[in-house]
Protein backbone atom coordinates (compact mmCIF):
# COMPACT_ATOMS: atom_id res chain seq x y z
CA UNK A 1 225.21 124.43 70.89
CA UNK A 2 224.38 124.65 67.21
CA UNK A 3 226.98 125.08 64.50
CA UNK A 4 226.77 128.30 62.48
CA UNK A 5 225.18 126.39 59.60
CA UNK A 6 222.56 124.67 61.77
CA UNK A 7 221.82 127.86 63.69
CA UNK A 8 221.02 129.72 60.49
CA UNK A 9 219.25 126.93 58.64
CA UNK A 10 217.13 125.70 61.53
CA UNK A 11 216.55 128.92 63.46
CA UNK A 12 217.66 132.25 62.03
CA UNK A 13 217.28 132.22 58.24
CA UNK A 14 213.49 132.58 58.28
CA UNK A 15 213.78 135.85 60.23
CA UNK A 16 217.11 137.18 59.00
CA UNK A 17 215.98 139.87 56.53
CA UNK A 18 213.14 140.95 58.81
CA UNK A 19 215.34 141.20 61.93
CA UNK A 20 217.88 143.26 59.94
CA UNK A 21 215.26 145.89 59.14
CA UNK A 22 213.84 144.43 55.95
CA UNK A 23 215.28 143.71 52.52
CA UNK A 24 214.41 147.10 50.99
CA UNK A 25 216.09 149.02 53.81
CA UNK A 26 219.26 146.91 53.74
CA UNK A 27 219.59 147.12 49.96
CA UNK A 28 219.33 150.91 50.06
CA UNK A 29 221.80 151.06 52.95
CA UNK A 30 224.40 149.15 50.95
CA UNK A 31 223.73 151.03 47.73
CA UNK A 32 224.65 154.17 49.69
CA UNK A 33 227.65 152.50 51.29
CA UNK A 34 229.14 151.45 47.96
CA UNK A 35 228.43 154.87 46.47
CA UNK A 36 230.07 156.65 49.40
CA UNK A 37 233.18 154.46 49.08
CA UNK A 38 233.40 154.77 45.28
CA UNK A 39 232.91 151.06 44.66
CA UNK A 40 232.48 150.54 40.89
CA UNK A 41 233.90 148.00 38.43
CA UNK A 42 237.34 149.10 37.20
CA UNK A 43 239.20 145.91 36.23
CA UNK A 44 237.78 142.41 35.71
CA UNK A 45 234.41 143.37 37.16
CA UNK A 46 234.18 140.17 39.22
CA UNK A 47 233.07 140.53 42.85
CA UNK A 48 232.88 137.77 45.47
CA UNK A 49 230.43 138.14 48.34
CA UNK A 50 231.49 135.93 51.25
CA UNK A 51 228.60 135.18 53.58
CA UNK A 52 226.18 136.61 51.03
CA UNK A 53 223.06 135.69 52.98
CA UNK A 54 219.89 136.98 51.35
CA UNK A 55 221.78 139.46 49.18
CA UNK A 56 222.19 142.75 51.03
CA UNK A 57 225.55 143.30 49.29
CA UNK A 58 225.30 141.01 46.25
CA UNK A 59 222.31 142.76 44.72
CA UNK A 60 223.67 146.34 44.96
CA UNK A 61 227.02 145.15 43.55
CA UNK A 62 225.30 143.48 40.62
CA UNK A 63 223.28 146.65 40.03
CA UNK A 64 226.59 148.55 39.82
CA UNK A 65 227.75 146.28 37.02
CA UNK A 66 229.76 143.64 38.86
CA UNK A 67 229.45 139.94 38.04
CA UNK A 68 228.88 138.62 41.55
CA UNK A 69 229.75 135.23 43.00
CA UNK A 70 227.63 134.90 46.15
CA UNK A 71 228.77 132.26 48.66
CA UNK A 72 226.94 131.22 51.81
CA UNK A 73 226.34 128.13 53.97
CA UNK A 74 222.58 128.71 54.20
CA UNK A 75 220.49 127.24 51.41
CA UNK A 76 217.43 129.07 52.73
CA UNK A 77 219.08 132.49 52.59
CA UNK A 78 220.51 131.77 49.13
CA UNK A 79 217.02 130.84 47.93
CA UNK A 80 215.84 134.25 49.10
CA UNK A 81 218.79 135.87 47.33
CA UNK A 82 217.98 134.07 44.09
CA UNK A 83 214.37 135.25 44.21
CA UNK A 84 215.38 138.86 44.91
CA UNK A 85 218.22 139.02 42.38
CA UNK A 86 215.96 137.99 39.47
CA UNK A 87 217.95 138.52 36.25
CA UNK A 88 220.94 140.27 37.80
CA UNK A 89 224.38 138.66 37.18
CA UNK A 90 224.67 136.81 40.49
CA UNK A 91 226.06 133.27 40.64
CA UNK A 92 224.95 131.48 43.79
CA UNK A 93 227.25 129.00 45.56
CA UNK A 94 226.23 127.00 48.64
CA UNK A 95 229.55 126.31 50.38
CA UNK A 96 231.83 127.26 53.25
CA UNK A 97 233.46 130.63 52.58
CA UNK A 98 236.88 129.08 53.30
CA UNK A 99 236.38 127.17 50.02
CA UNK A 100 235.65 130.29 47.99
CA UNK A 101 238.75 130.10 45.80
CA UNK A 102 237.48 126.83 44.30
CA UNK A 103 234.57 128.70 42.76
CA UNK A 104 236.35 131.79 41.42
CA UNK A 105 237.95 132.77 38.12
CA UNK A 106 241.60 133.81 37.85
CA UNK A 107 240.81 137.51 38.10
CA UNK A 108 238.76 138.99 40.93
CA UNK A 109 238.39 142.71 41.45
CA UNK A 110 236.51 142.83 44.74
CA UNK A 111 235.85 140.64 47.76
CA UNK A 112 233.33 141.69 50.38
CA UNK A 113 232.84 139.95 53.72
CA UNK A 114 230.28 142.09 55.49
CA UNK A 115 227.58 141.95 58.12
CA UNK A 116 229.03 139.83 60.91
CA UNK A 117 230.32 137.01 58.71
CA UNK A 118 233.94 137.21 59.80
CA UNK A 119 233.01 136.50 63.44
CA UNK A 120 231.48 133.18 62.33
CA UNK A 121 234.92 131.70 61.69
CA UNK A 122 235.87 129.56 64.64
CA UNK A 123 239.56 130.45 65.03
CA UNK A 124 241.84 133.43 64.51
CA UNK A 125 244.00 131.15 62.38
CA UNK A 126 241.06 130.64 60.02
CA UNK A 127 240.59 134.41 59.78
CA UNK A 128 244.24 134.89 58.85
CA UNK A 129 243.95 132.02 56.34
CA UNK A 130 240.87 133.56 54.74
CA UNK A 131 242.47 137.00 54.44
CA UNK A 132 245.55 135.41 52.85
CA UNK A 133 243.37 133.55 50.35
CA UNK A 134 241.56 136.79 49.52
CA UNK A 135 244.88 138.54 48.86
CA UNK A 136 246.04 135.72 46.60
CA UNK A 137 242.75 135.69 44.69
CA UNK A 138 242.58 139.43 44.02
CA UNK A 139 244.10 141.04 40.95
CA UNK A 140 246.54 143.90 41.53
CA UNK A 141 244.57 146.95 42.65
CA UNK A 142 241.66 144.79 43.76
CA UNK A 143 239.92 145.61 47.03
CA UNK A 144 238.59 143.81 50.07
CA UNK A 145 235.81 145.24 52.23
CA UNK A 146 235.31 143.84 55.72
CA UNK A 147 232.71 144.76 58.28
CA UNK A 148 232.16 143.01 61.59
CA UNK A 149 230.93 143.73 65.08
CA UNK A 150 233.53 144.66 67.67
CA UNK A 151 232.91 142.12 70.42
CA UNK A 152 236.03 142.92 72.42
CA UNK A 153 234.22 145.15 74.94
CA UNK A 154 232.26 142.93 77.33
CA UNK A 155 228.67 143.80 78.12
CA UNK A 156 227.62 143.15 81.70
CA UNK A 157 224.46 142.52 83.67
CA UNK A 158 221.19 143.42 81.96
CA UNK A 159 223.08 145.03 79.05
CA UNK A 160 223.64 141.48 77.81
CA UNK A 161 219.95 141.37 76.79
CA UNK A 162 219.70 143.07 73.39
CA UNK A 163 216.30 143.75 71.77
CA UNK A 164 216.58 143.15 68.03
CA UNK A 165 213.14 143.72 66.53
CA UNK A 166 209.47 143.06 67.25
CA UNK A 167 206.09 143.44 65.59
CA UNK A 168 202.55 142.26 66.34
CA UNK A 169 203.46 138.62 65.75
CA UNK A 170 207.18 138.25 66.44
CA UNK A 171 209.59 139.33 69.18
CA UNK A 172 213.32 138.81 68.70
CA UNK A 173 215.77 139.23 71.58
CA UNK A 174 219.45 138.34 71.81
CA UNK A 175 221.32 137.38 74.97
CA UNK A 176 225.13 137.22 75.02
CA UNK A 177 227.66 135.52 77.30
CA UNK A 178 231.38 136.24 77.10
CA UNK A 179 234.25 133.79 77.06
CA UNK A 180 237.95 134.56 76.53
CA UNK A 181 237.93 134.27 72.74
CA UNK A 182 234.22 133.85 71.97
CA UNK A 183 230.78 135.24 72.62
CA UNK A 184 227.88 132.83 73.06
CA UNK A 185 224.97 134.38 71.16
CA UNK A 186 221.50 133.20 72.23
CA UNK A 187 218.79 134.14 69.70
CA UNK A 188 215.37 134.04 71.41
CA UNK A 189 212.25 134.33 69.28
CA UNK A 190 208.62 134.47 70.40
CA UNK A 191 206.23 134.01 67.50
CA UNK A 192 202.44 134.24 67.61
CA UNK A 193 200.69 131.30 65.99
CA UNK A 194 196.89 131.51 66.06
CA UNK A 195 196.00 132.26 69.70
CA UNK A 196 199.26 131.41 71.45
CA UNK A 197 202.94 132.32 71.48
CA UNK A 198 205.69 129.81 70.65
CA UNK A 199 209.22 130.11 71.99
CA UNK A 200 212.08 129.29 69.64
CA UNK A 201 215.65 129.41 70.92
CA UNK A 202 219.13 128.52 69.77
CA UNK A 203 222.69 129.67 70.41
CA UNK A 204 226.04 129.57 68.68
CA UNK A 205 229.46 131.12 69.18
CA UNK A 206 231.06 134.14 67.51
CA UNK A 207 234.78 134.75 67.71
CA UNK A 208 235.99 137.99 69.31
CA UNK A 209 238.16 139.87 66.81
CA UNK A 210 240.42 142.70 67.98
CA UNK A 211 240.04 145.35 65.24
CA UNK A 212 243.70 146.58 65.20
CA UNK A 213 244.82 142.93 64.94
CA UNK A 214 242.78 142.58 61.74
CA UNK A 215 244.35 145.72 60.28
CA UNK A 216 247.83 144.47 61.15
CA UNK A 217 247.16 141.07 59.58
CA UNK A 218 246.00 142.73 56.36
CA UNK A 219 249.13 144.87 56.26
CA UNK A 220 251.39 141.89 57.01
CA UNK A 221 249.82 139.97 54.13
CA UNK A 222 250.52 142.85 51.74
CA UNK A 223 247.35 144.95 51.65
CA UNK A 224 247.34 148.73 51.85
CA UNK A 225 244.58 149.76 54.25
CA UNK A 226 242.47 152.66 52.93
CA UNK A 227 239.75 152.82 55.56
CA UNK A 228 239.74 151.76 59.21
CA UNK A 229 236.64 152.93 61.02
CA UNK A 230 234.64 151.88 64.06
CA UNK A 231 231.15 153.33 64.44
CA UNK A 232 228.47 152.07 66.83
CA UNK A 233 230.68 149.03 67.58
CA UNK A 234 230.81 148.04 63.90
CA UNK A 235 234.26 147.84 62.31
CA UNK A 236 234.75 148.76 58.65
CA UNK A 237 238.06 148.03 56.92
CA UNK A 238 238.73 148.63 53.22
CA UNK A 239 242.08 147.67 51.73
CA UNK A 240 243.56 147.05 48.30
CA UNK A 241 246.21 144.73 46.91
CA UNK A 242 249.39 146.56 45.98
């Protein structure tokens, strides 16, 4: 089994933006998301993007006027982010998101941890620790935005095979296996090279996060939850520091 870092660097990063629908589509999707949720700079104007990847959130936030600190484990995805961000105010940090406070100024207005980043943490204790650090780092009135896939409902049989995306040269399929606290995610890629197809495969584990548990942890820490929504098995939680 690969670690999250090795899985992305050695297997997934090359295909990540493509498998997600393409950079242009994801940027527009998040521009609309931030607009719909009235996300604009109001205080310090500093935003931290945890698990920034290739920039689906960082770039729209910078376009809105935030100074963005983008943190991710994958050097390859951060290279893509740097190329796409061009002259936008995005500072790129290659590090574990649990170390984010080492790279941040005293005042932070917004922290986003979106996509499926939160499920990459290997224990529920680490999730609680991260959310506590986010609370401590935010200025009063600052917000946190979390999105993650709800993996608590177990898929069975052939439903465990999930087609992700394909084109004339690449086919991407995911296969999942369920454990008590984790899901083993097998990313299977067939890629055409000249006149033959090559198989590339790797798997890693995602932690299963019970959505109401996350809301309760945020409230216990001191956040006021503004939005708690689950749509198409994707959880969205927005909260602010009182």
